[in-house]
């Protein structure tokens, strides 16, 4: 028995990844529908060995659709998710629009899959921010073992987190550097080629950026409201893959070797941690992979019970599309929803 699944924002980086992952993981579908804005109607996208033509989100009838994977931006999600949910279709939204709504579960399946059952209030489930998703996958097993008090995280986030325009800007600026053309900055506030930008999203009144705020409040909602967290988020000239340097302070002692063993057994995690040149993961190697990779696990000598680690993941996959499909799998596997169109 298959589910009818719509992918809204199917022509974007994450939308295309959602279609690929649905096919790769053989999610039980009866039909997949690609939806996009008016300017992309008729655009062809691939789903496994099939080609789908994009239909218009505004005119699509969701009444016979079971799940909508949405990656169409916050404004679209705010307007359309409640309408779609009212039709009995569960929206799994990738934007920030619904993450902090108390009636909307914010879910990372390896961390808080049970929360998905709360979708019934609005028929909406939120996907966390890409940098938050990999962070909580890394923190959850360690929190269970030794109780985390405080986290200091610095991110090194790829340009794909800013969409196709971000990737295009890095490519064009890099080319301009080599051929001595003038550089244009449209998507980012400063040049990104051969540079770092310590700003992701807008600044807030307290001096933090909205991306940094998202990491704080989302981690508290997903993992534990008592955890103290501070983040510095930096855009780096990498096409795909977010990296994070994470300092963790625990209530109880936890050695690097104990942490290594715990993380090796944790769902969604792969540990690559050899104390030798190249014995760690980089974003280039993590691109296209599903795992959250952990390297450089070591003591933090500045606090009583502290560890430092390096965390890398493909932000288009675990940070967005994969997590959304995994949420859909939770709904299906736990029989939280049944297909509207029963098998004949």
C-alpha atoms as a PDB file:
ATOM      1  CA  UNK A   1       0.000   0.000   0.000  1.00  0.00           C
ATOM      2  CA  UNK A   2       1.619   3.243  -1.133  1.00  0.00           C
ATOM      3  CA  UNK A   3       1.279   6.885  -0.169  1.00  0.00           C
ATOM      4  CA  UNK A   4       0.584   9.726  -2.553  1.00  0.00           C
ATOM      5  CA  UNK A   5       3.399  12.219  -1.992  1.00  0.00           C
ATOM      6  CA  UNK A   6       3.696  15.784  -3.277  1.00  0.00           C
ATOM      7  CA  UNK A   7       7.017  17.640  -3.334  1.00  0.00           C
ATOM      8  CA  UNK A   8       6.514  21.416  -3.220  1.00  0.00           C
ATOM      9  CA  UNK A   9       9.518  23.384  -4.444  1.00  0.00           C
ATOM     10  CA  UNK A  10      10.563  20.457  -6.630  1.00  0.00           C
ATOM     11  CA  UNK A  11      12.879  22.501  -8.885  1.00  0.00           C
ATOM     12  CA  UNK A  12      15.098  23.774  -6.053  1.00  0.00           C
ATOM     13  CA  UNK A  13      18.248  22.133  -4.677  1.00  0.00           C
ATOM     14  CA  UNK A  14      16.433  20.557  -1.729  1.00  0.00           C
ATOM     15  CA  UNK A  15      13.301  19.647  -3.702  1.00  0.00           C
ATOM     16  CA  UNK A  16      15.332  17.710  -6.261  1.00  0.00           C
ATOM     17  CA  UNK A  17      17.218  16.011  -3.424  1.00  0.00           C
ATOM     18  CA  UNK A  18      13.908  15.033  -1.820  1.00  0.00           C
ATOM     19  CA  UNK A  19      12.831  13.326  -5.044  1.00  0.00           C
ATOM     20  CA  UNK A  20      16.169  11.513  -5.317  1.00  0.00           C
ATOM     21  CA  UNK A  21      16.037  10.304  -1.699  1.00  0.00           C
ATOM     22  CA  UNK A  22      12.407   9.138  -1.957  1.00  0.00           C
ATOM     23  CA  UNK A  23      13.529   6.961  -4.875  1.00  0.00           C
ATOM     24  CA  UNK A  24      16.820   5.832  -3.272  1.00  0.00           C
ATOM     25  CA  UNK A  25      15.171   4.750  -0.032  1.00  0.00           C
ATOM     26  CA  UNK A  26      12.213   3.195  -1.859  1.00  0.00           C
ATOM     27  CA  UNK A  27       9.667   5.061   0.181  1.00  0.00           C
ATOM     28  CA  UNK A  28       6.304   3.308  -0.413  1.00  0.00           C
ATOM     29  CA  UNK A  29       4.618   5.636  -2.895  1.00  0.00           C
ATOM     30  CA  UNK A  30       1.577   5.116  -5.065  1.00  0.00           C
ATOM     31  CA  UNK A  31       2.293   8.373  -6.886  1.00  0.00           C
ATOM     32  CA  UNK A  32       4.710  11.293  -6.628  1.00  0.00           C
ATOM     33  CA  UNK A  33       3.676  14.773  -7.751  1.00  0.00           C
ATOM     34  CA  UNK A  34       6.172  17.584  -8.385  1.00  0.00           C
ATOM     35  CA  UNK A  35       4.877  21.061  -7.516  1.00  0.00           C
ATOM     36  CA  UNK A  36       6.439  24.446  -8.158  1.00  0.00           C
ATOM     37  CA  UNK A  37       5.629  28.113  -8.663  1.00  0.00           C
ATOM     38  CA  UNK A  38       3.997  29.457 -11.831  1.00  0.00           C
ATOM     39  CA  UNK A  39       7.335  30.240 -13.498  1.00  0.00           C
ATOM     40  CA  UNK A  40       8.383  26.569 -13.258  1.00  0.00           C
ATOM     41  CA  UNK A  41       5.203  24.888 -14.518  1.00  0.00           C
ATOM     42  CA  UNK A  42       6.167  22.174 -16.998  1.00  0.00           C
ATOM     43  CA  UNK A  43       9.785  22.036 -15.836  1.00  0.00           C
ATOM     44  CA  UNK A  44      10.945  18.416 -15.810  1.00  0.00           C
ATOM     45  CA  UNK A  45      12.480  16.816 -12.719  1.00  0.00           C
ATOM     46  CA  UNK A  46      13.557  13.224 -12.188  1.00  0.00           C
ATOM     47  CA  UNK A  47      12.193  10.694  -9.732  1.00  0.00           C
ATOM     48  CA  UNK A  48      14.126   7.438 -10.000  1.00  0.00           C
ATOM     49  CA  UNK A  49      13.867   6.404 -13.645  1.00  0.00           C
ATOM     50  CA  UNK A  50      10.778   8.556 -14.206  1.00  0.00           C
ATOM     51  CA  UNK A  51      10.486  12.126 -15.412  1.00  0.00           C
ATOM     52  CA  UNK A  52       7.895  14.323 -13.695  1.00  0.00           C
ATOM     53  CA  UNK A  53       6.519  17.585 -15.054  1.00  0.00           C
ATOM     54  CA  UNK A  54       6.000  20.257 -12.429  1.00  0.00           C
ATOM     55  CA  UNK A  55       2.466  21.298 -11.660  1.00  0.00           C
ATOM     56  CA  UNK A  56       1.286  24.564 -10.095  1.00  0.00           C
ATOM     57  CA  UNK A  57       1.134  24.575  -6.292  1.00  0.00           C
ATOM     58  CA  UNK A  58      -1.663  27.172  -6.321  1.00  0.00           C
ATOM     59  CA  UNK A  59      -4.090  25.011  -8.298  1.00  0.00           C
ATOM     60  CA  UNK A  60      -3.217  21.544  -6.979  1.00  0.00           C
ATOM     61  CA  UNK A  61      -5.908  19.709  -4.983  1.00  0.00           C
ATOM     62  CA  UNK A  62      -4.361  18.043  -1.899  1.00  0.00           C
ATOM     63  CA  UNK A  63      -7.530  16.222  -0.829  1.00  0.00           C
ATOM     64  CA  UNK A  64      -6.262  12.820  -2.083  1.00  0.00           C
ATOM     65  CA  UNK A  65      -2.598  13.404  -1.144  1.00  0.00           C
ATOM     66  CA  UNK A  66      -1.109  11.872   2.015  1.00  0.00           C
ATOM     67  CA  UNK A  67       2.180  13.726   2.504  1.00  0.00           C
ATOM     68  CA  UNK A  68       3.561  17.016   1.190  1.00  0.00           C
ATOM     69  CA  UNK A  69       7.325  17.487   1.456  1.00  0.00           C
ATOM     70  CA  UNK A  70       7.670  21.262   1.293  1.00  0.00           C
ATOM     71  CA  UNK A  71      10.823  23.201   0.447  1.00  0.00           C
ATOM     72  CA  UNK A  72       9.369  26.359  -0.993  1.00  0.00           C
ATOM     73  CA  UNK A  73      10.482  28.994   1.518  1.00  0.00           C
ATOM     74  CA  UNK A  74       8.969  30.499   4.642  1.00  0.00           C
ATOM     75  CA  UNK A  75       6.399  32.783   3.002  1.00  0.00           C
ATOM     76  CA  UNK A  76       4.918  29.954   0.943  1.00  0.00           C
ATOM     77  CA  UNK A  77       4.945  27.632   3.955  1.00  0.00           C
ATOM     78  CA  UNK A  78       3.170  30.141   6.175  1.00  0.00           C
ATOM     79  CA  UNK A  79       0.427  30.606   3.592  1.00  0.00           C
ATOM     80  CA  UNK A  80       0.052  27.078   2.263  1.00  0.00           C
ATOM     81  CA  UNK A  81       0.919  24.617   5.045  1.00  0.00           C
ATOM     82  CA  UNK A  82      -2.294  25.275   7.032  1.00  0.00           C
ATOM     83  CA  UNK A  83      -4.402  25.026   3.858  1.00  0.00           C
ATOM     84  CA  UNK A  84      -2.762  21.756   2.881  1.00  0.00           C
ATOM     85  CA  UNK A  85      -3.045  20.397   6.408  1.00  0.00           C
ATOM     86  CA  UNK A  86      -6.756  21.230   6.450  1.00  0.00           C
ATOM     87  CA  UNK A  87      -7.146  18.792   3.540  1.00  0.00           C
ATOM     88  CA  UNK A  88      -5.811  15.978   5.718  1.00  0.00           C
ATOM     89  CA  UNK A  89      -2.383  15.975   4.040  1.00  0.00           C
ATOM     90  CA  UNK A  90       0.595  16.019   6.421  1.00  0.00           C
ATOM     91  CA  UNK A  91       3.046  18.804   5.557  1.00  0.00           C
ATOM     92  CA  UNK A  92       6.713  18.180   6.361  1.00  0.00           C
ATOM     93  CA  UNK A  93       8.105  21.684   5.993  1.00  0.00           C
ATOM     94  CA  UNK A  94      11.759  22.528   5.491  1.00  0.00           C
ATOM     95  CA  UNK A  95      11.489  26.280   6.154  1.00  0.00           C
ATOM     96  CA  UNK A  96      11.748  28.096   9.485  1.00  0.00           C
ATOM     97  CA  UNK A  97       8.088  29.161   9.374  1.00  0.00           C
ATOM     98  CA  UNK A  98       6.645  26.557  11.775  1.00  0.00           C
ATOM     99  CA  UNK A  99       9.631  25.326  13.778  1.00  0.00           C
ATOM    100  CA  UNK A 100       8.893  27.181  16.990  1.00  0.00           C
ATOM    101  CA  UNK A 101       5.099  26.843  16.864  1.00  0.00           C
ATOM    102  CA  UNK A 102       4.181  24.950  20.066  1.00  0.00           C
ATOM    103  CA  UNK A 103       1.546  22.955  18.143  1.00  0.00           C
ATOM    104  CA  UNK A 104       4.030  21.807  15.477  1.00  0.00           C
ATOM    105  CA  UNK A 105       6.553  19.030  16.212  1.00  0.00           C
ATOM    106  CA  UNK A 106      10.171  19.807  15.311  1.00  0.00           C
ATOM    107  CA  UNK A 107      11.649  16.429  14.482  1.00  0.00           C
ATOM    108  CA  UNK A 108      15.004  14.767  13.866  1.00  0.00           C
ATOM    109  CA  UNK A 109      14.134  11.049  13.737  1.00  0.00           C
ATOM    110  CA  UNK A 110      17.375   9.824  15.363  1.00  0.00           C
ATOM    111  CA  UNK A 111      16.731  12.194  18.269  1.00  0.00           C
ATOM    112  CA  UNK A 112      12.990  12.648  18.943  1.00  0.00           C
ATOM    113  CA  UNK A 113      10.978  10.477  16.546  1.00  0.00           C
ATOM    114  CA  UNK A 114       8.205  10.124  19.146  1.00  0.00           C
ATOM    115  CA  UNK A 115       7.416  13.836  18.759  1.00  0.00           C
ATOM    116  CA  UNK A 116       6.147  13.199  15.213  1.00  0.00           C
ATOM    117  CA  UNK A 117       2.894  11.837  16.644  1.00  0.00           C
ATOM    118  CA  UNK A 118       1.991  15.418  17.607  1.00  0.00           C
ATOM    119  CA  UNK A 119       1.362  16.349  13.969  1.00  0.00           C
ATOM    120  CA  UNK A 120      -2.408  15.920  14.435  1.00  0.00           C
ATOM    121  CA  UNK A 121      -2.911  19.423  15.851  1.00  0.00           C
ATOM    122  CA  UNK A 122      -2.103  21.188  12.571  1.00  0.00           C
ATOM    123  CA  UNK A 123      -1.067  18.368  10.215  1.00  0.00           C
ATOM    124  CA  UNK A 124       2.349  20.066  10.017  1.00  0.00           C
ATOM    125  CA  UNK A 125       5.777  18.747  11.062  1.00  0.00           C
ATOM    126  CA  UNK A 126       8.814  21.037  10.900  1.00  0.00           C
ATOM    127  CA  UNK A 127      12.284  20.144   9.711  1.00  0.00           C
ATOM    128  CA  UNK A 128      15.002  21.880  11.755  1.00  0.00           C
ATOM    129  CA  UNK A 129      17.635  24.231  10.449  1.00  0.00           C
ATOM    130  CA  UNK A 130      20.360  22.339   8.564  1.00  0.00           C
ATOM    131  CA  UNK A 131      23.071  23.226  11.088  1.00  0.00           C
ATOM    132  CA  UNK A 132      20.818  22.222  14.001  1.00  0.00           C
ATOM    133  CA  UNK A 133      19.967  18.813  12.491  1.00  0.00           C
ATOM    134  CA  UNK A 134      23.519  17.489  12.435  1.00  0.00           C
ATOM    135  CA  UNK A 135      24.308  19.095  15.799  1.00  0.00           C
ATOM    136  CA  UNK A 136      21.509  17.314  17.689  1.00  0.00           C
ATOM    137  CA  UNK A 137      22.291  13.980  16.003  1.00  0.00           C
ATOM    138  CA  UNK A 138      25.791  14.299  17.478  1.00  0.00           C
ATOM    139  CA  UNK A 139      24.663  15.601  20.883  1.00  0.00           C
ATOM    140  CA  UNK A 140      21.756  13.248  21.653  1.00  0.00           C
ATOM    141  CA  UNK A 141      23.710  10.034  22.500  1.00  0.00           C
ATOM    142  CA  UNK A 142      26.248  12.027  24.535  1.00  0.00           C
ATOM    143  CA  UNK A 143      23.462  13.853  26.394  1.00  0.00           C
ATOM    144  CA  UNK A 144      21.873  10.510  27.258  1.00  0.00           C
ATOM    145  CA  UNK A 145      25.206   9.281  28.630  1.00  0.00           C
ATOM    146  CA  UNK A 146      26.495  12.240  30.657  1.00  0.00           C
ATOM    147  CA  UNK A 147      23.891  15.067  30.541  1.00  0.00           C
ATOM    148  CA  UNK A 148      24.985  18.156  28.620  1.00  0.00           C
ATOM    149  CA  UNK A 149      25.058  21.476  30.493  1.00  0.00           C
ATOM    150  CA  UNK A 150      26.518  23.814  27.881  1.00  0.00           C
ATOM    151  CA  UNK A 151      27.496  23.844  24.211  1.00  0.00           C
ATOM    152  CA  UNK A 152      29.663  26.307  22.291  1.00  0.00           C
ATOM    153  CA  UNK A 153      29.456  25.717  18.542  1.00  0.00           C
ATOM    154  CA  UNK A 154      31.141  27.419  15.610  1.00  0.00           C
ATOM    155  CA  UNK A 155      29.778  26.516  12.185  1.00  0.00           C
ATOM    156  CA  UNK A 156      31.444  26.488   8.772  1.00  0.00           C
ATOM    157  CA  UNK A 157      28.424  26.442   6.463  1.00  0.00           C
ATOM    158  CA  UNK A 158      28.489  25.813   2.723  1.00  0.00           C
ATOM    159  CA  UNK A 159      26.947  28.127   0.158  1.00  0.00           C
ATOM    160  CA  UNK A 160      24.309  25.555  -0.840  1.00  0.00           C
ATOM    161  CA  UNK A 161      22.600  26.502   2.417  1.00  0.00           C
ATOM    162  CA  UNK A 162      21.734  29.741   0.628  1.00  0.00           C
ATOM    163  CA  UNK A 163      20.232  27.893  -2.350  1.00  0.00           C
ATOM    164  CA  UNK A 164      21.216  27.738  -5.996  1.00  0.00           C
ATOM    165  CA  UNK A 165      21.959  31.471  -6.013  1.00  0.00           C
ATOM    166  CA  UNK A 166      24.604  30.965  -3.328  1.00  0.00           C
ATOM    167  CA  UNK A 167      26.286  28.182  -5.282  1.00  0.00           C
ATOM    168  CA  UNK A 168      26.179  30.233  -8.476  1.00  0.00           C
ATOM    169  CA  UNK A 169      27.740  33.215  -6.723  1.00  0.00           C
ATOM    170  CA  UNK A 170      30.663  31.181  -5.366  1.00  0.00           C
ATOM    171  CA  UNK A 171      31.250  29.683  -8.816  1.00  0.00           C
ATOM    172  CA  UNK A 172      31.086  33.007 -10.676  1.00  0.00           C
ATOM    173  CA  UNK A 173      33.230  34.874  -8.144  1.00  0.00           C
ATOM    174  CA  UNK A 174      35.876  32.136  -8.121  1.00  0.00           C
ATOM    175  CA  UNK A 175      36.023  32.255 -11.907  1.00  0.00           C
ATOM    176  CA  UNK A 176      36.256  36.076 -11.805  1.00  0.00           C
ATOM    177  CA  UNK A 177      39.249  35.894  -9.465  1.00  0.00           C
ATOM    178  CA  UNK A 178      41.148  33.658 -11.900  1.00  0.00           C
ATOM    179  CA  UNK A 179      40.383  35.704 -15.020  1.00  0.00           C
ATOM    180  CA  UNK A 180      40.673  39.084 -13.249  1.00  0.00           C
ATOM    181  CA  UNK A 181      37.056  40.088 -13.857  1.00  0.00           C
ATOM    182  CA  UNK A 182      35.226  42.372 -11.405  1.00  0.00           C
ATOM    183  CA  UNK A 183      33.427  40.498  -8.620  1.00  0.00           C
ATOM    184  CA  UNK A 184      29.724  40.920  -7.964  1.00  0.00           C
ATOM    185  CA  UNK A 185      28.106  40.159  -4.594  1.00  0.00           C
ATOM    186  CA  UNK A 186      24.347  39.722  -4.880  1.00  0.00           C
ATOM    187  CA  UNK A 187      23.402  36.834  -2.611  1.00  0.00           C
ATOM    188  CA  UNK A 188      25.964  37.406   0.139  1.00  0.00           C
ATOM    189  CA  UNK A 189      26.803  40.674   1.953  1.00  0.00           C
ATOM    190  CA  UNK A 190      30.501  40.339   1.102  1.00  0.00           C
ATOM    191  CA  UNK A 191      32.644  38.408  -1.349  1.00  0.00           C
ATOM    192  CA  UNK A 192      32.494  34.656  -0.658  1.00  0.00           C
ATOM    193  CA  UNK A 193      35.213  33.403  -3.042  1.00  0.00           C
ATOM    194  CA  UNK A 194      38.418  32.716  -1.040  1.00  0.00           C
ATOM    195  CA  UNK A 195      36.789  34.379   1.960  1.00  0.00           C
ATOM    196  CA  UNK A 196      34.692  33.727   5.089  1.00  0.00           C
ATOM    197  CA  UNK A 197      31.569  35.639   6.081  1.00  0.00           C
ATOM    198  CA  UNK A 198      30.671  35.668   9.804  1.00  0.00           C
ATOM    199  CA  UNK A 199      27.009  36.390   9.095  1.00  0.00           C
ATOM    200  CA  UNK A 200      24.225  33.984   8.111  1.00  0.00           C
ATOM    201  CA  UNK A 201      20.715  35.478   7.996  1.00  0.00           C
ATOM    202  CA  UNK A 202      19.877  38.898   9.481  1.00  0.00           C
ATOM    203  CA  UNK A 203      21.242  40.489  12.645  1.00  0.00           C
ATOM    204  CA  UNK A 204      19.054  40.610  15.731  1.00  0.00           C
ATOM    205  CA  UNK A 205      19.000  43.258  18.463  1.00  0.00           C
ATOM    206  CA  UNK A 206      21.371  41.326  20.749  1.00  0.00           C
ATOM    207  CA  UNK A 207      24.088  41.115  18.080  1.00  0.00           C
ATOM    208  CA  UNK A 208      23.506  37.482  17.203  1.00  0.00           C
ATOM    209  CA  UNK A 209      22.282  36.530  13.746  1.00  0.00           C
ATOM    210  CA  UNK A 210      18.986  34.762  13.191  1.00  0.00           C
ATOM    211  CA  UNK A 211      20.844  31.583  12.148  1.00  0.00           C
ATOM    212  CA  UNK A 212      22.622  31.557  15.505  1.00  0.00           C
ATOM    213  CA  UNK A 213      19.318  32.122  17.321  1.00  0.00           C
ATOM    214  CA  UNK A 214      17.716  29.253  15.385  1.00  0.00           C
ATOM    215  CA  UNK A 215      20.419  26.839  16.546  1.00  0.00           C
ATOM    216  CA  UNK A 216      19.822  27.810  20.179  1.00  0.00           C
ATOM    217  CA  UNK A 217      16.027  27.623  20.295  1.00  0.00           C
ATOM    218  CA  UNK A 218      15.722  24.576  18.018  1.00  0.00           C
ATOM    219  CA  UNK A 219      18.256  22.541  20.004  1.00  0.00           C
ATOM    220  CA  UNK A 220      16.340  23.339  23.181  1.00  0.00           C
ATOM    221  CA  UNK A 221      13.027  22.311  21.603  1.00  0.00           C
ATOM    222  CA  UNK A 222      14.349  19.078  20.067  1.00  0.00           C
ATOM    223  CA  UNK A 223      16.778  17.917  22.742  1.00  0.00           C
ATOM    224  CA  UNK A 224      16.451  19.626  26.135  1.00  0.00           C
ATOM    225  CA  UNK A 225      15.325  23.160  27.127  1.00  0.00           C
ATOM    226  CA  UNK A 226      17.889  23.183  29.963  1.00  0.00           C
ATOM    227  CA  UNK A 227      20.924  23.016  27.651  1.00  0.00           C
ATOM    228  CA  UNK A 228      22.778  26.340  27.393  1.00  0.00           C
ATOM    229  CA  UNK A 229      24.064  26.930  23.862  1.00  0.00           C
ATOM    230  CA  UNK A 230      25.854  29.718  22.051  1.00  0.00           C
ATOM    231  CA  UNK A 231      26.651  29.662  18.318  1.00  0.00           C
ATOM    232  CA  UNK A 232      28.770  31.573  15.828  1.00  0.00           C
ATOM    233  CA  UNK A 233      27.682  30.818  12.263  1.00  0.00           C
ATOM    234  CA  UNK A 234      30.065  31.411   9.364  1.00  0.00           C
ATOM    235  CA  UNK A 235      29.567  31.030   5.614  1.00  0.00           C
ATOM    236  CA  UNK A 236      32.566  29.408   3.914  1.00  0.00           C
ATOM    237  CA  UNK A 237      33.532  28.916   0.231  1.00  0.00           C
ATOM    238  CA  UNK A 238      32.431  25.262   0.106  1.00  0.00           C
ATOM    239  CA  UNK A 239      29.652  24.142  -2.250  1.00  0.00           C
ATOM    240  CA  UNK A 240      28.056  21.355  -0.163  1.00  0.00           C
ATOM    241  CA  UNK A 241      28.519  20.231   3.440  1.00  0.00           C
ATOM    242  CA  UNK A 242      28.287  22.031   6.771  1.00  0.00           C
ATOM    243  CA  UNK A 243      31.027  21.610   9.372  1.00  0.00           C
ATOM    244  CA  UNK A 244      30.882  22.394  13.089  1.00  0.00           C
ATOM    245  CA  UNK A 245      33.456  22.688  15.866  1.00  0.00           C
ATOM    246  CA  UNK A 246      31.576  21.771  19.045  1.00  0.00           C
ATOM    247  CA  UNK A 247      32.690  22.297  22.656  1.00  0.00           C
ATOM    248  CA  UNK A 248      30.493  20.400  25.121  1.00  0.00           C
ATOM    249  CA  UNK A 249      30.384  20.696  28.910  1.00  0.00           C
ATOM    250  CA  UNK A 250      28.734  17.782  30.752  1.00  0.00           C
ATOM    251  CA  UNK A 251      27.358  17.318  34.262  1.00  0.00           C
ATOM    252  CA  UNK A 252      29.104  13.958  34.538  1.00  0.00           C
ATOM    253  CA  UNK A 253      32.545  12.755  33.388  1.00  0.00           C
ATOM    254  CA  UNK A 254      32.844  11.321  29.873  1.00  0.00           C
ATOM    255  CA  UNK A 255      36.190  10.359  28.363  1.00  0.00           C
ATOM    256  CA  UNK A 256      36.977  10.755  24.661  1.00  0.00           C
ATOM    257  CA  UNK A 257      37.175   6.959  24.332  1.00  0.00           C
ATOM    258  CA  UNK A 258      33.772   6.511  25.980  1.00  0.00           C
ATOM    259  CA  UNK A 259      32.316   9.186  23.702  1.00  0.00           C
ATOM    260  CA  UNK A 260      33.869   7.529  20.666  1.00  0.00           C
ATOM    261  CA  UNK A 261      32.300   4.175  21.563  1.00  0.00           C
ATOM    262  CA  UNK A 262      28.895   5.746  22.254  1.00  0.00           C
ATOM    263  CA  UNK A 263      28.905   7.642  18.965  1.00  0.00           C
ATOM    264  CA  UNK A 264      29.981   4.570  16.988  1.00  0.00           C
ATOM    265  CA  UNK A 265      26.741   2.896  18.136  1.00  0.00           C
ATOM    266  CA  UNK A 266      24.527   5.958  17.627  1.00  0.00           C
ATOM    267  CA  UNK A 267      21.936   6.038  14.813  1.00  0.00           C
ATOM    268  CA  UNK A 268      22.892   8.185  11.839  1.00  0.00           C
ATOM    269  CA  UNK A 269      26.468   8.717  13.045  1.00  0.00           C
ATOM    270  CA  UNK A 270      29.793   7.585  11.570  1.00  0.00           C
ATOM    271  CA  UNK A 271      32.993   8.139  13.530  1.00  0.00           C
ATOM    272  CA  UNK A 272      36.203   8.764  11.592  1.00  0.00           C
ATOM    273  CA  UNK A 273      38.773   9.712  14.191  1.00  0.00           C
ATOM    274  CA  UNK A 274      42.394   8.729  13.700  1.00  0.00           C
ATOM    275  CA  UNK A 275      45.036  10.985  15.218  1.00  0.00           C
ATOM    276  CA  UNK A 276      47.081  11.218  12.043  1.00  0.00           C
ATOM    277  CA  UNK A 277      47.156  13.442   8.948  1.00  0.00           C
ATOM    278  CA  UNK A 278      43.874  12.958   7.075  1.00  0.00           C
ATOM    279  CA  UNK A 279      42.316  10.849   9.833  1.00  0.00           C
ATOM    280  CA  UNK A 280      39.166  12.979   9.938  1.00  0.00           C
ATOM    281  CA  UNK A 281      36.234  13.897   7.695  1.00  0.00           C
ATOM    282  CA  UNK A 282      35.901  16.992   5.499  1.00  0.00           C
ATOM    283  CA  UNK A 283      32.796  18.419   3.796  1.00  0.00           C
ATOM    284  CA  UNK A 284      34.072  17.325   0.391  1.00  0.00           C
ATOM    285  CA  UNK A 285      33.997  13.681   1.528  1.00  0.00           C
ATOM    286  CA  UNK A 286      30.618  14.016   3.280  1.00  0.00           C
ATOM    287  CA  UNK A 287      28.832  15.458   0.216  1.00  0.00           C
ATOM    288  CA  UNK A 288      26.279  13.000  -1.117  1.00  0.00           C
ATOM    289  CA  UNK A 289      26.353  10.898   2.059  1.00  0.00           C
ATOM    290  CA  UNK A 290      23.550  10.380   4.586  1.00  0.00           C
ATOM    291  CA  UNK A 291      25.585  10.144   7.793  1.00  0.00           C
ATOM    292  CA  UNK A 292      26.535  12.772  10.314  1.00  0.00           C
ATOM    293  CA  UNK A 293      30.303  12.326  10.613  1.00  0.00           C
ATOM    294  CA  UNK A 294      32.237  12.885  13.835  1.00  0.00           C
ATOM    295  CA  UNK A 295      36.008  13.396  14.080  1.00  0.00           C
ATOM    296  CA  UNK A 296      38.616  14.990  16.371  1.00  0.00           C
ATOM    297  CA  UNK A 297      37.026  13.804  19.650  1.00  0.00           C
ATOM    298  CA  UNK A 298      39.204  15.059  22.528  1.00  0.00           C
ATOM    299  CA  UNK A 299      39.169  16.460  26.046  1.00  0.00           C
ATOM    300  CA  UNK A 300      38.384  20.115  26.650  1.00  0.00           C
ATOM    301  CA  UNK A 301      40.831  21.004  29.450  1.00  0.00           C
ATOM    302  CA  UNK A 302      39.162  24.381  30.135  1.00  0.00           C
ATOM    303  CA  UNK A 303      36.140  22.874  31.939  1.00  0.00           C
ATOM    304  CA  UNK A 304      35.717  20.038  34.458  1.00  0.00           C
ATOM    305  CA  UNK A 305      33.781  17.639  32.234  1.00  0.00           C
ATOM    306  CA  UNK A 306      34.367  18.765  28.669  1.00  0.00           C
ATOM    307  CA  UNK A 307      34.839  17.376  25.193  1.00  0.00           C
ATOM    308  CA  UNK A 308      35.580  18.921  21.813  1.00  0.00           C
ATOM    309  CA  UNK A 309      34.597  17.365  18.503  1.00  0.00           C
ATOM    310  CA  UNK A 310      34.318  18.058  14.778  1.00  0.00           C
ATOM    311  CA  UNK A 311      31.008  17.332  13.049  1.00  0.00           C
ATOM    312  CA  UNK A 312      30.326  17.305   9.275  1.00  0.00           C
ATOM    313  CA  UNK A 313      27.215  16.504   7.258  1.00  0.00           C
ATOM    314  CA  UNK A 314      25.710  17.082   3.820  1.00  0.00           C
ATOM    315  CA  UNK A 315      23.339  19.984   4.510  1.00  0.00           C
ATOM    316  CA  UNK A 316      21.144  19.222   1.491  1.00  0.00           C
ATOM    317  CA  UNK A 317      20.611  15.660   2.741  1.00  0.00           C
ATOM    318  CA  UNK A 318      20.617  15.262   6.534  1.00  0.00           C
ATOM    319  CA  UNK A 319      20.176  18.998   6.941  1.00  0.00           C
ATOM    320  CA  UNK A 320      17.062  19.060   4.774  1.00  0.00           C
ATOM    321  CA  UNK A 321      15.832  16.463   2.268  1.00  0.00           C
ATOM    322  CA  UNK A 322      16.917  13.248   3.997  1.00  0.00           C
ATOM    323  CA  UNK A 323      15.533  14.378   7.342  1.00  0.00           C
ATOM    324  CA  UNK A 324      12.174  15.177   5.714  1.00  0.00           C
ATOM    325  CA  UNK A 325      11.967  11.742   4.079  1.00  0.00           C
ATOM    326  CA  UNK A 326      12.988  10.087   7.361  1.00  0.00           C
ATOM    327  CA  UNK A 327      10.090  11.897   9.069  1.00  0.00           C
ATOM    328  CA  UNK A 328       7.756  10.538   6.367  1.00  0.00           C
ATOM    329  CA  UNK A 329       9.174   7.072   7.090  1.00  0.00           C
ATOM    330  CA  UNK A 330       8.354   7.505  10.782  1.00  0.00           C
ATOM    331  CA  UNK A 331       4.750   8.380   9.875  1.00  0.00           C
ATOM    332  CA  UNK A 332       4.488   5.320   7.623  1.00  0.00           C
ATOM    333  CA  UNK A 333       6.399   2.786   9.738  1.00  0.00           C
ATOM    334  CA  UNK A 334       4.580   3.686  12.938  1.00  0.00           C
ATOM    335  CA  UNK A 335       1.258   3.741  11.083  1.00  0.00           C
ATOM    336  CA  UNK A 336       0.587   7.286  12.242  1.00  0.00           C
ATOM    337  CA  UNK A 337      -1.084   7.852   8.872  1.00  0.00           C
ATOM    338  CA  UNK A 338      -2.766   5.488   6.406  1.00  0.00           C
ATOM    339  CA  UNK A 339      -3.018   6.058   2.668  1.00  0.00           C
ATOM    340  CA  UNK A 340      -6.211   7.839   1.630  1.00  0.00           C
ATOM    341  CA  UNK A 341      -6.438   5.746  -1.512  1.00  0.00           C
ATOM    342  CA  UNK A 342      -6.738   2.176  -0.275  1.00  0.00           C
ATOM    343  CA  UNK A 343      -5.208  -0.582  -2.346  1.00  0.00           C
ATOM    344  CA  UNK A 344      -7.781  -2.284  -4.543  1.00  0.00           C
END
